[in-house]
Protein backbone atom coordinates (compact mmCIF):
# COMPACT_ATOMS: atom_id res chain seq x y z
CA UNK A 1 101.59 93.34 374.56
CA UNK A 2 101.98 94.36 370.91
CA UNK A 3 104.36 97.02 369.63
CA UNK A 4 101.38 99.10 368.51
CA UNK A 5 100.47 99.62 372.18
CA UNK A 6 103.25 102.12 372.91
CA UNK A 7 101.27 105.16 374.03
CA UNK A 8 103.10 108.03 375.66
CA UNK A 9 101.56 109.60 378.73
CA UNK A 10 102.65 113.02 379.99
CA UNK A 11 103.62 112.57 383.63
CA UNK A 12 105.48 115.87 384.10
CA UNK A 13 104.10 119.06 382.61
CA UNK A 14 106.51 121.33 380.73
CA UNK A 15 108.92 123.21 382.96
CA UNK A 16 110.11 125.47 380.15
CA UNK A 17 113.61 124.76 378.98
CA UNK A 18 115.18 121.35 378.47
CA UNK A 19 114.69 118.20 380.52
CA UNK A 20 117.36 115.55 379.98
CA UNK A 21 119.39 112.66 381.35
CA UNK A 22 116.74 110.26 382.75
CA UNK A 23 118.10 107.35 384.81
CA UNK A 24 116.35 104.70 386.91
CA UNK A 25 117.56 104.22 390.50
CA UNK A 26 115.54 101.11 391.29
CA UNK A 27 112.57 103.03 392.68
CA UNK A 28 112.30 106.30 390.78
CA UNK A 29 113.42 108.28 387.76
CA UNK A 30 115.99 111.03 388.15
CA UNK A 31 116.27 113.56 385.34
CA UNK A 32 117.86 116.96 384.84
CA UNK A 33 116.31 120.32 384.12
CA UNK A 34 119.23 122.07 382.49
CA UNK A 35 118.20 125.72 382.68
CA UNK A 36 117.31 125.66 386.39
CA UNK A 37 120.37 123.54 387.28
CA UNK A 38 118.44 120.90 389.19
CA UNK A 39 117.95 117.14 389.20
CA UNK A 40 114.31 116.14 389.57
CA UNK A 41 112.95 112.88 391.00
CA UNK A 42 109.78 111.23 389.73
CA UNK A 43 108.19 108.49 391.82
CA UNK A 44 105.94 106.14 389.81
CA UNK A 45 104.37 105.00 393.08
CA UNK A 46 103.27 108.46 394.26
CA UNK A 47 103.11 110.14 390.86
CA UNK A 48 104.96 113.14 392.30
CA UNK A 49 107.94 115.04 390.89
CA UNK A 50 110.19 116.80 393.41
CA UNK A 51 113.58 118.49 393.33
CA UNK A 52 116.28 115.96 394.25
CA UNK A 53 119.48 118.04 393.93
CA UNK A 54 120.14 121.69 393.17
CA UNK A 55 123.20 123.65 392.10
CA UNK A 56 124.06 121.30 389.23
CA UNK A 57 125.26 124.15 386.95
CA UNK A 58 123.46 123.11 383.77
CA UNK A 59 124.15 119.40 384.09
CA UNK A 60 122.79 117.41 381.14
CA UNK A 61 123.29 113.61 381.06
CA UNK A 62 123.39 111.34 384.12
CA UNK A 63 124.89 107.88 384.74
CA UNK A 64 125.41 105.48 387.65
CA UNK A 65 128.66 103.70 388.44
CA UNK A 66 129.00 100.20 389.91
CA UNK A 67 129.17 101.62 393.46
CA UNK A 68 125.80 103.29 393.03
CA UNK A 69 127.24 106.79 392.70
CA UNK A 70 125.60 109.24 390.32
CA UNK A 71 127.71 111.15 387.78
CA UNK A 72 126.67 113.99 385.50
CA UNK A 73 127.88 115.77 382.37
CA UNK A 74 128.04 119.36 383.63
CA UNK A 75 127.93 121.88 380.79
CA UNK A 76 128.03 125.03 382.91
CA UNK A 77 131.15 124.11 384.90
CA UNK A 78 132.71 122.28 381.90
CA UNK A 79 133.34 119.13 383.88
CA UNK A 80 132.16 115.69 384.94
CA UNK A 81 130.50 115.85 388.35
CA UNK A 82 129.82 113.20 390.99
CA UNK A 83 126.77 113.77 393.17
CA UNK A 84 127.66 112.42 396.60
CA UNK A 85 124.97 111.40 399.12
CA UNK A 86 126.01 114.16 401.56
CA UNK A 87 124.92 116.78 399.01
CA UNK A 88 128.41 117.55 397.70
CA UNK A 89 128.89 117.98 393.96
CA UNK A 90 132.44 116.75 393.30
CA UNK A 91 134.40 117.73 390.18
CA UNK A 92 135.87 114.49 388.83
CA UNK A 93 137.33 115.68 385.53
CA UNK A 94 137.55 119.18 384.05
CA UNK A 95 140.52 119.11 381.66
CA UNK A 96 142.08 117.09 378.87
CA UNK A 97 145.67 117.66 377.74
CA UNK A 98 145.80 120.64 380.11
CA UNK A 99 142.87 122.44 378.48
CA UNK A 100 139.36 123.03 379.78
CA UNK A 101 136.65 120.69 378.55
CA UNK A 102 134.03 122.04 376.18
CA UNK A 103 130.48 121.49 377.45
CA UNK A 104 130.06 117.81 378.40
CA UNK A 105 126.73 116.60 377.05
CA UNK A 106 126.07 112.92 377.75
CA UNK A 107 128.02 110.17 379.48
CA UNK A 108 128.09 106.44 380.14
CA UNK A 109 130.02 104.18 382.53
CA UNK A 110 131.50 100.80 381.65
CA UNK A 111 132.26 97.77 383.82
CA UNK A 112 135.88 98.89 384.27
CA UNK A 113 134.73 102.13 385.87
CA UNK A 114 135.72 104.19 382.86
CA UNK A 115 133.65 107.26 382.02
CA UNK A 116 132.91 107.92 378.35
CA UNK A 117 131.34 111.23 377.39
CA UNK A 118 130.57 113.47 374.45
CA UNK A 119 132.24 116.89 374.48
CA UNK A 120 130.54 119.21 371.96
CA UNK A 121 130.14 122.97 372.35
CA UNK A 122 126.66 124.00 373.49
CA UNK A 123 126.75 127.78 373.85
CA UNK A 124 123.21 127.89 375.26
CA UNK A 125 124.28 125.91 378.34
CA UNK A 126 127.24 128.06 379.35
CA UNK A 127 128.20 131.58 380.35
CA UNK A 128 128.65 133.54 377.08
CA UNK A 129 131.98 134.87 378.35
CA UNK A 130 133.46 131.36 378.33
CA UNK A 131 135.88 130.51 375.52
CA UNK A 132 136.28 127.20 373.69
CA UNK A 133 139.89 126.15 374.34
CA UNK A 134 139.94 122.82 372.51
CA UNK A 135 140.22 122.67 368.72
CA UNK A 136 137.92 119.62 368.52
CA UNK A 137 134.49 118.37 369.59
CA UNK A 138 135.09 114.76 370.41
CA UNK A 139 134.35 111.79 372.63
CA UNK A 140 136.58 111.61 375.71
CA UNK A 141 137.30 108.78 378.13
CA UNK A 142 138.43 108.94 381.76
CA UNK A 143 140.01 105.82 383.28
CA UNK A 144 140.13 105.48 387.10
CA UNK A 145 143.58 105.35 388.69
CA UNK A 146 144.69 103.73 391.95
CA UNK A 147 144.92 107.12 393.71
CA UNK A 148 141.25 107.86 392.99
CA UNK A 149 141.94 110.29 390.18
CA UNK A 150 141.22 109.77 386.48
CA UNK A 151 143.43 109.68 383.42
CA UNK A 152 141.67 111.46 380.54
CA UNK A 153 142.18 111.02 376.82
CA UNK A 154 140.49 111.87 373.56
CA UNK A 155 139.16 108.78 371.75
CA UNK A 156 137.45 110.10 368.59
CA UNK A 157 139.15 112.16 365.91
CA UNK A 158 136.34 112.27 363.35
CA UNK A 159 133.37 113.84 365.17
CA UNK A 160 132.04 117.39 364.87
CA UNK A 161 129.05 117.34 367.26
CA UNK A 162 128.85 114.08 369.26
CA UNK A 163 125.71 113.79 371.36
CA UNK A 164 124.17 110.59 372.80
CA UNK A 165 126.52 107.78 373.83
CA UNK A 166 126.23 104.12 374.91
CA UNK A 167 128.47 101.14 375.64
CA UNK A 168 127.13 97.82 374.35
CA UNK A 169 126.17 95.11 376.81
CA UNK A 170 129.25 93.04 375.92
CA UNK A 171 131.43 96.17 376.43
CA UNK A 172 132.95 95.80 372.96
CA UNK A 173 131.22 98.65 371.12
CA UNK A 174 130.75 102.36 371.73
CA UNK A 175 127.64 103.80 370.10
CA UNK A 176 127.82 107.52 369.33
CA UNK A 177 125.18 109.85 367.91
CA UNK A 178 126.95 112.27 365.57
CA UNK A 179 124.41 115.08 365.55
CA UNK A 180 126.11 117.79 363.45
CA UNK A 181 123.48 120.18 364.72
CA UNK A 182 125.54 123.25 363.80
CA UNK A 183 126.00 122.24 360.15
CA UNK A 184 123.68 121.51 357.25
CA UNK A 185 126.26 119.89 354.97
CA UNK A 186 126.98 116.72 356.98
CA UNK A 187 124.80 113.67 357.58
CA UNK A 188 123.40 112.98 361.00
CA UNK A 189 124.61 109.48 361.90
CA UNK A 190 124.41 106.67 364.42
CA UNK A 191 127.93 105.24 364.65
CA UNK A 192 129.42 102.10 366.20
CA UNK A 193 133.08 102.19 367.26
CA UNK A 194 134.86 98.97 368.31
CA UNK A 195 136.47 99.40 371.75
CA UNK A 196 140.07 98.19 371.86
CA UNK A 197 141.63 96.60 374.95
CA UNK A 198 143.61 99.76 375.74
CA UNK A 199 140.50 101.96 375.64
CA UNK A 200 141.16 103.38 372.20
CA UNK A 201 138.57 103.06 369.45
CA UNK A 202 138.74 101.43 366.05
CA UNK A 203 137.24 102.75 362.83
CA UNK A 204 133.51 103.31 363.09
CA UNK A 205 130.66 101.74 361.17
CA UNK A 206 127.66 103.88 360.24
CA UNK A 207 124.58 102.06 361.51
CA UNK A 208 122.02 104.61 360.34
CA UNK A 209 122.07 107.88 358.41
CA UNK A 210 119.39 110.49 358.97
CA UNK A 211 120.63 112.53 356.03
CA UNK A 212 120.87 116.26 355.48
CA UNK A 213 118.82 118.89 353.74
CA UNK A 214 119.99 122.41 352.97
CA UNK A 215 116.56 123.91 353.63
CA UNK A 216 115.08 121.67 356.33
CA UNK A 217 117.71 119.88 358.34
CA UNK A 218 116.87 116.43 359.61
CA UNK A 219 117.39 116.06 363.34
CA UNK A 220 119.30 112.92 364.19
CA UNK A 221 119.65 111.13 367.51
CA UNK A 222 119.88 113.05 370.75
CA UNK A 223 119.82 110.44 373.55
CA UNK A 224 119.84 106.64 373.71
CA UNK A 225 119.41 103.64 375.98
CA UNK A 226 119.58 99.85 375.55
CA UNK A 227 117.08 97.07 375.88
CA UNK A 228 117.99 93.65 377.29
CA UNK A 229 118.58 92.28 373.79
CA UNK A 230 121.21 94.93 373.08
CA UNK A 231 118.97 96.99 370.80
CA UNK A 232 119.38 100.76 370.77
CA UNK A 233 116.34 102.82 371.75
CA UNK A 234 116.85 106.41 370.61
CA UNK A 235 115.16 109.81 370.64
CA UNK A 236 115.29 111.71 367.35
CA UNK A 237 113.40 113.94 364.96
CA UNK A 238 111.41 117.16 365.10
CA UNK A 239 108.48 118.71 363.22
CA UNK A 240 110.77 120.72 360.92
CA UNK A 241 111.82 117.85 358.66
CA UNK A 242 111.67 114.11 358.24
CA UNK A 243 109.09 111.84 359.89
CA UNK A 244 108.76 114.04 362.99
CA UNK A 245 109.53 113.48 366.69
CA UNK A 246 110.11 109.77 367.14
CA UNK A 247 111.42 106.98 369.31
CA UNK A 248 113.48 104.57 367.18
CA UNK A 249 114.51 101.01 368.03
CA UNK A 250 117.65 99.91 366.16
CA UNK A 251 119.25 96.48 366.17
CA UNK A 252 122.99 96.40 367.00
CA UNK A 253 123.65 96.27 363.25
CA UNK A 254 121.54 99.35 362.55
CA UNK A 255 118.34 97.82 361.27
CA UNK A 256 115.28 99.90 362.18
CA UNK A 257 113.09 97.49 364.14
CA UNK A 258 110.39 99.92 365.29
CA UNK A 259 109.43 103.58 365.33
CA UNK A 260 107.05 105.22 367.78
CA UNK A 261 105.80 108.83 367.35
CA UNK A 262 105.82 111.03 370.42
CA UNK A 263 103.89 114.28 370.91
CA UNK A 264 106.66 116.73 371.78
CA UNK A 265 108.73 119.10 369.69
CA UNK A 266 112.07 117.38 370.28
CA UNK A 267 112.52 114.28 372.44
CA UNK A 268 115.91 114.53 374.13
CA UNK A 269 116.71 111.33 376.00
CA UNK A 270 115.20 108.11 377.34
CA UNK A 271 115.63 105.27 379.80
CA UNK A 272 113.75 102.20 380.94
CA UNK A 273 112.40 101.89 384.46
CA UNK A 274 109.73 100.26 386.59
CA UNK A 275 109.82 97.04 388.57
CA UNK A 276 110.03 94.92 385.42
CA UNK A 277 112.03 97.53 383.42
CA UNK A 278 109.43 97.72 380.63
CA UNK A 279 108.37 101.36 381.04
CA UNK A 280 110.17 103.82 378.79
CA UNK A 281 110.66 107.35 380.13
CA UNK A 282 111.38 110.23 377.72
CA UNK A 283 112.45 113.85 378.28
CA UNK A 284 112.13 116.76 375.84
CA UNK A 285 113.34 120.24 374.90
CA UNK A 286 110.07 121.61 376.32
CA UNK A 287 110.81 120.17 379.74
CA UNK A 288 108.41 117.22 379.56
CA UNK A 289 108.67 113.83 381.18
CA UNK A 290 106.72 111.14 379.31
CA UNK A 291 106.31 107.44 379.92
CA UNK A 292 105.01 104.52 377.87
CA UNK A 293 104.41 100.88 378.70
CA UNK A 294 106.33 98.83 376.14
CA UNK A 295 106.83 95.25 375.06
CA UNK A 296 110.59 95.54 375.60
CA UNK A 297 112.69 94.96 378.71
CA UNK A 298 115.21 97.67 379.37
CA UNK A 299 118.84 97.16 380.36
CA UNK A 300 121.05 99.29 382.58
CA UNK A 301 124.55 98.37 383.63
CA UNK A 302 124.03 100.05 387.04
CA UNK A 303 122.52 100.03 389.61
């Protein structure tokens, strides 16, 4: 199959509002619909989309851990949730340094069971009476403790609007999309931070710059996933500026390997699925779910 054959098919009509956080569970795609506070399930076999879990309080990104448990970045409750099989939504983390989290956006698990997530401030996903307690919008990390709780710490000190996040296959690099969506004077960047043994991060390398424009702001990366070769597959762009809504494929060093246009206003996130992990699923700010057969094999640390 050639790279020109990526053709995106709409499998879920717009719900209105944002769809996000797609993950593959081995048989189906789970994804969030933020405004209605639900997780939806799409079955490629039946072609049907049904509600899988309600009451998620504006959960955005989703991620599996090594035990097959599903976690979510919950903007509305300002926490990291775990969605247990009995229907319980368990608050795992809701504070750092004694202060309430901002609005967790996207998250990823590593092989040590640590949770890494971006913690920007998204006013649209939260009660307007809520106040931002932290003086930063950073990446945070929660490390599991022997008593089942988590120790939380801030790991970036140079971000203003972190968005998508990934851990490399070798667990040595944290990829962060620095979106800067509230500002027009800062570049939108894809960054790579080396992960130190103690869970801290080293100085980042800029892998790709989307630039800035005072009149028509370029939209950088929103969500990301990995292929089996460690390349970064990312959603970015919009009709307002730049090349438009696009799926990018970056090498681990930041080289643009491929670009694939997609017919939605803003693609939000993506993941691979299917029996051979070659189908790419994409969500959007209009509530779409798209899929495309690709010539790449996706990679997911869990399940």
